[in-house]
Amino acid sequence: MAKILIVDDSPTELHVLGKILHHAGHETLTANDGESGIAMAKAQKPDVVLMDVVMPGLNGFQATRKLSRDPETQQIPVLMVTTKDQDTDREWGLRQGAKGYLVKPVDGHELIDKINELLG
């Protein structure tokens, strides 16, 4: 069982992703924006962060960059989970430090497989 932080401004997405993760036996934490996601990651040290891109304030690309460059959080893998499905978005997310990129709506099995790969 892993501790997974979901950073997304959509209550529906938080619910859907949380349900998938709970069903797979994982513990979840949630944050509604990039700023609180970074604070939560520093405080709780989750095993994986699921990061949306389009959020008010600090977007997911910016938050991922901050997490991946901070010595306190850089060991936590970030998986982008977003509606942004262009190759350039995927490339940019990975260049910010994300370890994976999934497009919403996510397939539950694919999400769990990717998380297991990151926990490896």
C-alpha atoms as a PDB file:
ATOM      1  CA  MET A   1       0.000   0.000   0.000  1.00  0.00           C
ATOM      2  CA  ALA A   2       1.393   3.363  -1.062  1.00  0.00           C
ATOM      3  CA  LYS A   3       0.555   6.882   0.058  1.00  0.00           C
ATOM      4  CA  ILE A   4      -0.475   8.840  -3.042  1.00  0.00           C
ATOM      5  CA  LEU A   5      -1.073  12.584  -3.248  1.00  0.00           C
ATOM      6  CA  ILE A   6      -3.660  13.688  -5.832  1.00  0.00           C
ATOM      7  CA  VAL A   7      -3.295  17.351  -6.846  1.00  0.00           C
ATOM      8  CA  ASP A   8      -6.344  18.442  -8.861  1.00  0.00           C
ATOM      9  CA  ASP A   9      -8.806  21.351  -8.655  1.00  0.00           C
ATOM     10  CA  SER A  10     -11.754  19.196  -9.764  1.00  0.00           C
ATOM     11  CA  PRO A  11     -13.735  17.564  -6.925  1.00  0.00           C
ATOM     12  CA  THR A  12     -14.987  15.002  -9.467  1.00  0.00           C
ATOM     13  CA  GLU A  13     -11.450  14.028 -10.516  1.00  0.00           C
ATOM     14  CA  LEU A  14     -10.339  13.832  -6.873  1.00  0.00           C
ATOM     15  CA  HIS A  15     -13.244  11.459  -6.213  1.00  0.00           C
ATOM     16  CA  VAL A  16     -12.716   9.307  -9.328  1.00  0.00           C
ATOM     17  CA  LEU A  17      -8.941   8.981  -8.881  1.00  0.00           C
ATOM     18  CA  GLY A  18      -9.348   8.419  -5.122  1.00  0.00           C
ATOM     19  CA  LYS A  19     -11.827   5.625  -5.745  1.00  0.00           C
ATOM     20  CA  ILE A  20      -9.482   3.870  -8.204  1.00  0.00           C
ATOM     21  CA  LEU A  21      -6.576   4.147  -5.769  1.00  0.00           C
ATOM     22  CA  HIS A  22      -8.565   3.015  -2.700  1.00  0.00           C
ATOM     23  CA  HIS A  23      -9.863   0.036  -4.663  1.00  0.00           C
ATOM     24  CA  ALA A  24      -6.225  -0.900  -5.390  1.00  0.00           C
ATOM     25  CA  GLY A  25      -5.416  -0.639  -1.676  1.00  0.00           C
ATOM     26  CA  HIS A  26      -3.629   2.708  -1.646  1.00  0.00           C
ATOM     27  CA  GLU A  27      -3.952   5.553   0.852  1.00  0.00           C
ATOM     28  CA  THR A  28      -4.732   8.956  -0.678  1.00  0.00           C
ATOM     29  CA  LEU A  29      -4.095  12.572   0.195  1.00  0.00           C
ATOM     30  CA  THR A  30      -5.568  15.446  -1.792  1.00  0.00           C
ATOM     31  CA  ALA A  31      -4.715  19.035  -2.638  1.00  0.00           C
ATOM     32  CA  ASN A  32      -6.776  21.463  -4.748  1.00  0.00           C
ATOM     33  CA  ASP A  33      -3.950  23.466  -6.333  1.00  0.00           C
ATOM     34  CA  GLY A  34      -0.228  23.483  -7.019  1.00  0.00           C
ATOM     35  CA  GLU A  35       0.736  25.543  -3.959  1.00  0.00           C
ATOM     36  CA  SER A  36      -1.063  23.297  -1.471  1.00  0.00           C
ATOM     37  CA  GLY A  37       0.167  20.237  -3.397  1.00  0.00           C
ATOM     38  CA  ILE A  38       3.772  21.284  -2.840  1.00  0.00           C
ATOM     39  CA  ALA A  39       3.100  22.006   0.858  1.00  0.00           C
ATOM     40  CA  MET A  40       1.373  18.632   1.275  1.00  0.00           C
ATOM     41  CA  ALA A  41       4.212  16.790  -0.498  1.00  0.00           C
ATOM     42  CA  LYS A  42       6.764  18.391   1.827  1.00  0.00           C
ATOM     43  CA  ALA A  43       4.717  17.659   4.953  1.00  0.00           C
ATOM     44  CA  GLN A  44       3.474  14.139   4.135  1.00  0.00           C
ATOM     45  CA  LYS A  45       6.225  12.733   1.856  1.00  0.00           C
ATOM     46  CA  PRO A  46       3.882  10.669  -0.352  1.00  0.00           C
ATOM     47  CA  ASP A  47       5.218   7.752  -2.401  1.00  0.00           C
ATOM     48  CA  VAL A  48       3.791   9.202  -5.656  1.00  0.00           C
ATOM     49  CA  VAL A  49       2.137  12.493  -6.692  1.00  0.00           C
ATOM     50  CA  LEU A  50      -0.622  12.571  -9.335  1.00  0.00           C
ATOM     51  CA  MET A  51      -0.536  16.092 -10.787  1.00  0.00           C
ATOM     52  CA  ASP A  52      -3.176  17.846 -12.876  1.00  0.00           C
ATOM     53  CA  VAL A  53      -1.894  20.619 -15.168  1.00  0.00           C
ATOM     54  CA  VAL A  54      -4.698  23.166 -15.482  1.00  0.00           C
ATOM     55  CA  MET A  55      -5.279  24.653 -12.014  1.00  0.00           C
ATOM     56  CA  PRO A  56      -5.660  28.169 -10.614  1.00  0.00           C
ATOM     57  CA  GLY A  57      -2.498  29.831  -9.328  1.00  0.00           C
ATOM     58  CA  LEU A  58       0.503  27.551  -9.689  1.00  0.00           C
ATOM     59  CA  ASN A  59      -0.202  25.166 -12.578  1.00  0.00           C
ATOM     60  CA  GLY A  60       0.862  21.523 -12.631  1.00  0.00           C
ATOM     61  CA  PHE A  61       3.926  22.142 -14.802  1.00  0.00           C
ATOM     62  CA  GLN A  62       5.202  24.789 -12.367  1.00  0.00           C
ATOM     63  CA  ALA A  63       4.409  22.654  -9.300  1.00  0.00           C
ATOM     64  CA  THR A  64       6.118  19.608 -10.846  1.00  0.00           C
ATOM     65  CA  ARG A  65       9.218  21.673 -11.606  1.00  0.00           C
ATOM     66  CA  LYS A  66       9.338  22.922  -7.999  1.00  0.00           C
ATOM     67  CA  LEU A  67       8.912  19.405  -6.559  1.00  0.00           C
ATOM     68  CA  SER A  68      11.494  17.838  -8.866  1.00  0.00           C
ATOM     69  CA  ARG A  69      14.114  20.513  -8.134  1.00  0.00           C
ATOM     70  CA  ASP A  70      13.657  20.708  -4.359  1.00  0.00           C
ATOM     71  CA  PRO A  71      16.058  18.368  -2.489  1.00  0.00           C
ATOM     72  CA  GLU A  72      13.282  17.781   0.057  1.00  0.00           C
ATOM     73  CA  THR A  73      10.868  16.346  -2.558  1.00  0.00           C
ATOM     74  CA  GLN A  74      12.892  15.453  -5.656  1.00  0.00           C
ATOM     75  CA  GLN A  75      12.826  11.714  -4.842  1.00  0.00           C
ATOM     76  CA  ILE A  76       8.991  11.658  -5.034  1.00  0.00           C
ATOM     77  CA  PRO A  77       7.901  10.602  -8.546  1.00  0.00           C
ATOM     78  CA  VAL A  78       5.299  12.872 -10.171  1.00  0.00           C
ATOM     79  CA  LEU A  79       2.799  11.413 -12.634  1.00  0.00           C
ATOM     80  CA  MET A  80       0.983  14.055 -14.682  1.00  0.00           C
ATOM     81  CA  VAL A  81      -2.736  13.233 -15.051  1.00  0.00           C
ATOM     82  CA  THR A  82      -4.312  15.842 -17.305  1.00  0.00           C
ATOM     83  CA  THR A  83      -6.681  16.633 -20.166  1.00  0.00           C
ATOM     84  CA  LYS A  84      -3.792  18.252 -22.077  1.00  0.00           C
ATOM     85  CA  ASP A  85      -3.119  15.603 -24.713  1.00  0.00           C
ATOM     86  CA  GLN A  86      -0.698  17.253 -27.155  1.00  0.00           C
ATOM     87  CA  ASP A  87       2.763  15.764 -27.647  1.00  0.00           C
ATOM     88  CA  THR A  88       4.252  19.156 -26.745  1.00  0.00           C
ATOM     89  CA  ASP A  89       2.376  19.113 -23.395  1.00  0.00           C
ATOM     90  CA  ARG A  90       3.655  15.602 -22.660  1.00  0.00           C
ATOM     91  CA  GLU A  91       7.214  16.572 -23.583  1.00  0.00           C
ATOM     92  CA  TRP A  92       7.037  19.742 -21.472  1.00  0.00           C
ATOM     93  CA  GLY A  93       5.681  17.823 -18.467  1.00  0.00           C
ATOM     94  CA  LEU A  94       8.506  15.305 -18.666  1.00  0.00           C
ATOM     95  CA  ARG A  95      11.053  18.120 -19.022  1.00  0.00           C
ATOM     96  CA  GLN A  96       9.706  19.645 -15.798  1.00  0.00           C
ATOM     97  CA  GLY A  97      10.586  16.433 -13.975  1.00  0.00           C
ATOM     98  CA  ALA A  98       7.452  14.277 -14.308  1.00  0.00           C
ATOM     99  CA  LYS A  99       8.169  10.533 -14.452  1.00  0.00           C
ATOM    100  CA  GLY A 100       5.035   9.766 -16.460  1.00  0.00           C
ATOM    101  CA  TYR A 101       2.104  11.382 -18.266  1.00  0.00           C
ATOM    102  CA  LEU A 102      -1.469  10.083 -18.557  1.00  0.00           C
ATOM    103  CA  VAL A 103      -4.372  11.782 -20.329  1.00  0.00           C
ATOM    104  CA  LYS A 104      -7.831  12.034 -18.705  1.00  0.00           C
ATOM    105  CA  PRO A 105     -10.099  10.244 -18.560  1.00  0.00           C
ATOM    106  CA  VAL A 106      -7.594   7.697 -17.279  1.00  0.00           C
ATOM    107  CA  ASP A 107      -8.064   3.979 -17.499  1.00  0.00           C
ATOM    108  CA  GLY A 108      -7.939   2.608 -13.949  1.00  0.00           C
ATOM    109  CA  HIS A 109      -5.746  -0.357 -14.874  1.00  0.00           C
ATOM    110  CA  GLU A 110      -3.308   1.851 -16.774  1.00  0.00           C
ATOM    111  CA  LEU A 111      -3.125   4.241 -13.800  1.00  0.00           C
ATOM    112  CA  ILE A 112      -2.399   1.442 -11.306  1.00  0.00           C
ATOM    113  CA  ASP A 113       0.149  -0.136 -13.680  1.00  0.00           C
ATOM    114  CA  LYS A 114       1.965   3.196 -14.034  1.00  0.00           C
ATOM    115  CA  ILE A 115       1.940   3.786 -10.256  1.00  0.00           C
ATOM    116  CA  ASN A 116       3.291   0.275  -9.644  1.00  0.00           C
ATOM    117  CA  GLU A 117       6.013   0.938 -12.204  1.00  0.00           C
ATOM    118  CA  LEU A 118       6.961   4.187 -10.399  1.00  0.00           C
ATOM    119  CA  LEU A 119       6.968   2.440  -7.020  1.00  0.00           C
ATOM    120  CA  GLY A 120       9.039  -0.339  -8.646  1.00  0.00           C
END
